Amino acid sequence: MSPTSSTFHGKIYQIKLHLDGVSPMVWRRLLVRDDTSIASLHGIFQLVMGWENLHLHCFVIHGKDYGIAYDGGIGFPDDPKNVLLRDFQFRPGDKFRYDYDFNIDWKLRIRVEKILDPIAGKQYPSCPGGNNAGPPEETQGIGAFSEIRELFRVPSYDLLRIIAFQESLGYPWRPDVFKRAMINRWLKNGDGTERLYNTWFSHPDHPYFEDRYWFKKDWLQILKRMYRVLKNEGVKVKKDATGLDVYQKFLEEQIRYNENRSNRNSGSVGGSPQNS
């Protein structure tokens, strides 16, 4: 399936998906060709949500289940590579669902917003909008996701727990990051029907897990740097320190350092005995 519309004469579905039961909302807007298969759409959803395809999934469309069958999992009567979006004859306003990780039961609610003509040279699929990061893989449900997000509440930040959480994941996840331009670059390179782990799946080697995707030049980054400086200098910070605690401790140490330097400098002035 070509990523552009140069030789495509079908329709483009503009769909909006959001993670059910979560506030602030995690949502994405997508433009996908009507010849996109269910298998490909699964890969696209995994990528834009930041999931790793570690668990079972299921589409529920017009009351019927669709998806990729795996050994030991549920089966589906239709080959997902041969089931295309155009087969459902969607109209604006139609809705369907995508369930992921049946133990947790994440539900993406999808709505067909518009049916458009393709624009020559435009990339499909593409993601023209979205907000907030999806729950990291293995997050134990909406309650656990809410607790994780609470760590990042501005302005205090539960800083040491944030750092411990990010270290446990192996990448600096944060709830307020969704970088549309980078997502679109990854979508441009993928074809989710070809192989299980490709650029449409956020597997552990994917750029989604690199620091550059998650980096934001804001107070959280500054506070984490302050904490690292204090730690490297051997300054003890309490185990439940917030960002504000670290900031105050950093200022105290800076003041103490400047006072000591000032005292050393003043002690050296006129300190040498003069010859009589």
Protein backbone atom coordinates (compact mmCIF):
# COMPACT_ATOMS: atom_id res chain seq x y z
CA MET A 1 0.00 0.00 0.00
CA SER A 2 1.57 3.27 -1.10
CA PRO A 3 1.84 5.96 1.58
CA THR A 4 0.75 8.73 -0.82
CA SER A 5 -2.29 9.36 -2.98
CA SER A 6 -0.47 9.85 -6.31
CA THR A 7 -2.16 6.81 -7.90
CA PHE A 8 -4.98 6.30 -5.43
CA HIS A 9 -8.56 7.02 -6.47
CA GLY A 10 -10.52 5.79 -3.46
CA LYS A 11 -11.69 7.70 -0.40
CA ILE A 12 -9.97 8.96 2.72
CA TYR A 13 -11.52 8.38 6.12
CA GLN A 14 -10.94 11.04 8.74
CA ILE A 15 -11.37 9.26 12.06
CA LYS A 16 -10.97 10.38 15.64
CA LEU A 17 -10.14 7.92 18.40
CA HIS A 18 -9.99 8.46 22.13
CA LEU A 19 -9.17 6.28 25.11
CA ASP A 20 -12.40 5.51 26.92
CA GLY A 21 -12.77 6.55 30.57
CA VAL A 22 -9.63 8.67 30.74
CA SER A 23 -9.47 12.37 31.64
CA PRO A 24 -7.69 14.53 30.56
CA MET A 25 -8.50 12.94 27.23
CA VAL A 26 -5.98 10.94 25.21
CA TRP A 27 -7.02 11.28 21.58
CA ARG A 28 -5.76 11.06 18.00
CA ARG A 29 -7.11 12.17 14.65
CA LEU A 30 -6.11 10.05 11.66
CA LEU A 31 -6.46 10.17 7.89
CA VAL A 32 -6.48 6.67 6.41
CA ARG A 33 -7.22 5.31 2.96
CA ASP A 34 -10.35 3.25 2.47
CA ASP A 35 -8.21 0.33 1.25
CA THR A 36 -6.47 0.14 4.63
CA SER A 37 -6.79 -3.36 6.04
CA ILE A 38 -7.81 -4.22 9.58
CA ALA A 39 -4.29 -5.66 10.08
CA SER A 40 -2.73 -2.35 9.03
CA LEU A 41 -5.12 -0.32 11.16
CA HIS A 42 -4.12 -2.40 14.17
CA GLY A 43 -0.48 -1.46 13.55
CA ILE A 44 -1.35 2.21 13.12
CA PHE A 45 -3.31 2.30 16.38
CA GLN A 46 -0.46 0.59 18.23
CA LEU A 47 2.01 3.18 16.98
CA VAL A 48 -0.01 6.31 17.69
CA MET A 49 -0.84 5.06 21.20
CA GLY A 50 2.72 3.97 21.97
CA TRP A 51 1.83 0.34 22.63
CA GLU A 52 4.09 -2.62 21.87
CA ASN A 53 1.68 -5.27 20.53
CA LEU A 54 2.32 -7.47 23.56
CA HIS A 55 -1.33 -8.34 24.15
CA LEU A 56 -4.43 -9.47 22.29
CA HIS A 57 -6.68 -7.03 20.51
CA CYS A 58 -10.06 -6.93 18.83
CA PHE A 59 -11.99 -4.55 16.59
CA VAL A 60 -15.76 -4.47 17.06
CA ILE A 61 -17.33 -3.12 13.87
CA HIS A 62 -21.07 -3.28 13.17
CA GLY A 63 -21.40 -5.81 15.98
CA LYS A 64 -18.77 -8.24 14.63
CA ASP A 65 -15.26 -8.98 15.92
CA TYR A 66 -12.18 -8.59 13.72
CA GLY A 67 -8.46 -8.83 14.40
CA ILE A 68 -5.23 -10.75 14.04
CA ALA A 69 -5.39 -14.23 15.57
CA TYR A 70 -2.46 -15.50 17.65
CA ASP A 71 -1.69 -18.94 19.05
CA GLY A 72 -3.46 -19.34 22.37
CA GLY A 73 -5.67 -16.32 21.75
CA ILE A 74 -9.08 -15.75 20.26
CA GLY A 75 -9.75 -16.59 16.62
CA PHE A 76 -11.48 -14.54 13.96
CA PRO A 77 -13.39 -15.87 10.94
CA ASP A 78 -11.97 -13.29 8.51
CA ASP A 79 -8.40 -12.74 7.35
CA PRO A 80 -7.56 -9.25 8.68
CA LYS A 81 -5.27 -8.57 5.72
CA ASN A 82 -8.23 -8.98 3.38
CA VAL A 83 -10.78 -6.98 5.37
CA LEU A 84 -10.61 -3.37 4.19
CA LEU A 85 -12.19 -0.28 5.67
CA ARG A 86 -14.18 0.30 2.50
CA ASP A 87 -15.91 -3.04 3.05
CA PHE A 88 -17.87 -1.52 5.93
CA GLN A 89 -19.32 1.31 3.83
CA PHE A 90 -18.83 3.79 6.63
CA ARG A 91 -20.69 7.07 6.71
CA PRO A 92 -19.82 10.22 8.71
CA GLY A 93 -20.84 9.69 12.30
CA ASP A 94 -20.40 5.91 12.27
CA LYS A 95 -18.57 4.48 15.27
CA PHE A 96 -16.61 1.37 16.08
CA ARG A 97 -14.27 0.13 18.82
CA TYR A 98 -10.77 -1.23 19.32
CA ASP A 99 -10.05 -3.25 22.47
CA TYR A 100 -6.50 -3.94 23.60
CA ASP A 101 -5.07 -6.08 26.42
CA PHE A 102 -8.12 -8.02 27.58
CA ASN A 103 -6.79 -8.26 31.16
CA ILE A 104 -6.82 -4.47 31.39
CA ASP A 105 -9.44 -3.85 28.69
CA TRP A 106 -8.29 -0.59 27.16
CA LYS A 107 -10.98 0.62 24.80
CA LEU A 108 -10.44 3.04 21.95
CA ARG A 109 -13.66 4.63 20.76
CA ILE A 110 -13.44 5.51 17.08
CA ARG A 111 -15.72 7.85 15.16
CA VAL A 112 -15.73 8.45 11.41
CA GLU A 113 -15.71 12.25 11.18
CA LYS A 114 -15.45 12.82 7.44
CA ILE A 115 -15.08 10.97 4.16
CA LEU A 116 -12.77 12.91 1.86
CA ASP A 117 -11.23 12.77 -1.56
CA PRO A 118 -7.48 12.15 -1.58
CA ILE A 119 -5.13 15.07 -2.12
CA ALA A 120 -2.38 14.43 -4.66
CA GLY A 121 1.01 13.95 -3.01
CA LYS A 122 -0.38 13.88 0.53
CA GLN A 123 0.78 11.15 2.89
CA TYR A 124 -1.67 8.49 4.02
CA PRO A 125 -1.95 7.37 6.71
CA SER A 126 -1.26 10.55 8.61
CA CYS A 127 -2.07 11.98 12.01
CA PRO A 128 -3.11 15.65 11.83
CA GLY A 129 -3.93 15.96 15.52
CA GLY A 130 -3.83 14.46 18.98
CA ASN A 131 -3.09 15.17 22.61
CA ASN A 132 -1.41 13.47 25.57
CA ALA A 133 0.54 10.23 25.76
CA GLY A 134 -1.15 6.86 25.89
CA PRO A 135 -0.68 4.63 28.94
CA PRO A 136 2.63 2.78 28.88
CA GLU A 137 2.43 -0.93 28.14
CA GLU A 138 1.58 -2.98 31.27
CA THR A 139 -0.16 -0.08 33.04
CA GLN A 140 -2.73 -1.81 35.22
CA GLY A 141 -5.85 0.00 34.17
CA ILE A 142 -7.43 3.45 34.32
CA GLY A 143 -6.87 3.84 38.08
CA ALA A 144 -3.16 3.07 37.81
CA PHE A 145 -2.87 5.37 34.79
CA SER A 146 -4.48 8.21 36.76
CA GLU A 147 -2.03 7.66 39.64
CA ILE A 148 0.92 7.79 37.23
CA ARG A 149 -0.34 11.02 35.70
CA GLU A 150 -0.82 12.49 39.17
CA LEU A 151 2.94 12.24 39.76
CA PHE A 152 3.42 14.85 37.03
CA ARG A 153 0.96 17.37 38.44
CA VAL A 154 2.24 20.93 38.01
CA PRO A 155 3.78 22.78 39.76
CA SER A 156 5.11 20.44 42.44
CA TYR A 157 5.98 17.26 40.51
CA ASP A 158 6.52 14.09 42.59
CA LEU A 159 10.02 14.24 41.24
CA LEU A 160 11.83 11.24 42.73
CA ARG A 161 8.88 8.94 42.00
CA ILE A 162 8.78 10.30 38.44
CA ILE A 163 12.46 9.51 38.00
CA ALA A 164 12.02 6.02 39.49
CA PHE A 165 9.00 5.37 37.26
CA GLN A 166 10.79 6.50 34.11
CA GLU A 167 13.82 4.40 35.00
CA SER A 168 11.57 1.35 35.49
CA LEU A 169 10.15 1.84 32.00
CA GLY A 170 13.54 2.42 30.42
CA TYR A 171 12.43 5.62 28.70
CA PRO A 172 11.33 9.08 29.96
CA TRP A 173 7.57 8.74 29.46
CA ARG A 174 5.47 11.70 30.52
CA PRO A 175 1.72 12.24 30.15
CA ASP A 176 1.72 15.53 28.25
CA VAL A 177 3.82 14.50 25.24
CA PHE A 178 2.42 13.86 21.79
CA LYS A 179 4.71 14.90 18.93
CA ARG A 180 2.65 14.84 15.77
CA ALA A 181 5.51 15.52 13.35
CA MET A 182 7.55 12.58 14.61
CA ILE A 183 4.52 10.26 14.60
CA ASN A 184 3.90 11.18 10.97
CA ARG A 185 7.49 10.45 10.00
CA TRP A 186 7.11 6.96 11.45
CA LEU A 187 3.75 6.42 9.76
CA LYS A 188 5.29 7.38 6.43
CA ASN A 189 7.81 4.54 6.61
CA GLY A 190 5.54 1.68 7.64
CA ASP A 191 3.34 -0.96 6.12
CA GLY A 192 1.68 -2.82 8.95
CA THR A 193 0.76 -5.86 6.84
CA GLU A 194 4.30 -6.96 6.06
CA ARG A 195 5.76 -8.17 9.34
CA LEU A 196 4.92 -8.15 13.01
CA TYR A 197 7.60 -5.78 14.24
CA ASN A 198 8.03 -2.90 11.83
CA THR A 199 7.88 0.86 11.93
CA TRP A 200 4.15 0.79 12.70
CA PHE A 201 4.69 -1.08 15.96
CA SER A 202 6.35 0.60 18.93
CA HIS A 203 8.66 -2.31 19.72
CA PRO A 204 11.54 -1.70 22.18
CA ASP A 205 13.96 -0.60 19.44
CA HIS A 206 11.53 1.94 18.00
CA PRO A 207 12.41 5.68 18.14
CA TYR A 208 9.26 6.19 20.23
CA PHE A 209 11.33 5.03 23.21
CA GLU A 210 14.21 7.43 22.59
CA ASP A 211 14.77 10.49 24.77
CA ARG A 212 14.37 12.88 21.85
CA TYR A 213 10.70 11.99 21.44
CA TRP A 214 9.92 12.71 25.10
CA PHE A 215 12.14 15.74 25.64
CA LYS A 216 10.48 19.04 26.47
CA LYS A 217 12.39 22.11 27.58
CA ASP A 218 10.37 22.86 30.69
CA TRP A 219 10.50 22.82 34.50
CA LEU A 220 10.47 19.04 34.72
CA GLN A 221 13.71 18.81 32.72
CA ILE A 222 15.28 21.59 34.79
CA LEU A 223 14.30 19.96 38.09
CA LYS A 224 15.64 16.57 36.99
CA ARG A 225 18.97 18.24 36.16
CA MET A 226 19.03 19.95 39.54
CA TYR A 227 18.44 16.61 41.24
CA ARG A 228 21.29 14.98 39.30
CA VAL A 229 23.64 17.82 40.29
CA LEU A 230 22.70 17.41 43.96
CA LYS A 231 23.13 13.65 43.74
CA ASN A 232 26.52 13.96 42.05
CA GLU A 233 27.65 16.37 44.78
CA GLY A 234 26.57 13.92 47.45
CA VAL A 235 23.78 16.14 48.78
CA LYS A 236 21.00 14.11 50.38
CA VAL A 237 17.44 14.71 49.22
CA LYS A 238 14.50 13.19 51.08
CA LYS A 239 12.97 10.11 49.48
CA ASP A 240 9.56 11.70 48.84
CA ALA A 241 10.95 14.98 47.50
CA THR A 242 8.77 16.95 45.15
CA GLY A 243 10.11 19.19 42.44
CA LEU A 244 9.64 22.16 44.77
CA ASP A 245 11.69 20.41 47.47
CA VAL A 246 14.52 19.77 45.03
CA TYR A 247 14.38 23.36 43.78
CA GLN A 248 14.60 24.74 47.34
CA LYS A 249 17.43 22.35 48.22
CA PHE A 250 19.30 23.34 45.09
CA LEU A 251 18.96 27.05 45.98
CA GLU A 252 20.14 26.36 49.54
CA GLU A 253 23.21 24.55 48.28
CA GLN A 254 23.90 27.29 45.77
CA ILE A 255 23.66 29.96 48.48
CA ARG A 256 25.89 27.92 50.79
CA TYR A 257 28.43 27.40 48.01
CA ASN A 258 28.50 31.13 47.16
CA GLU A 259 28.90 32.07 50.83
CA ASN A 260 31.80 29.65 51.27
CA ARG A 261 33.50 30.96 48.15
CA SER A 262 32.97 34.54 49.29
CA ASN A 263 34.48 33.72 52.68
CA ARG A 264 37.47 32.06 51.07
CA ASN A 265 38.04 35.02 48.79
CA SER A 266 37.70 37.57 51.59
CA GLY A 267 40.07 35.56 53.78
CA SER A 268 42.76 35.71 51.14
CA VAL A 269 42.68 39.50 50.80
CA GLY A 270 45.42 41.04 52.93
CA GLY A 271 46.18 37.68 54.39
CA SER A 272 49.91 37.78 53.56
CA PRO A 273 52.11 39.37 56.24
CA GLN A 274 53.80 42.53 55.10
CA ASN A 275 57.52 43.09 55.61
CA SER A 276 58.22 45.64 58.34
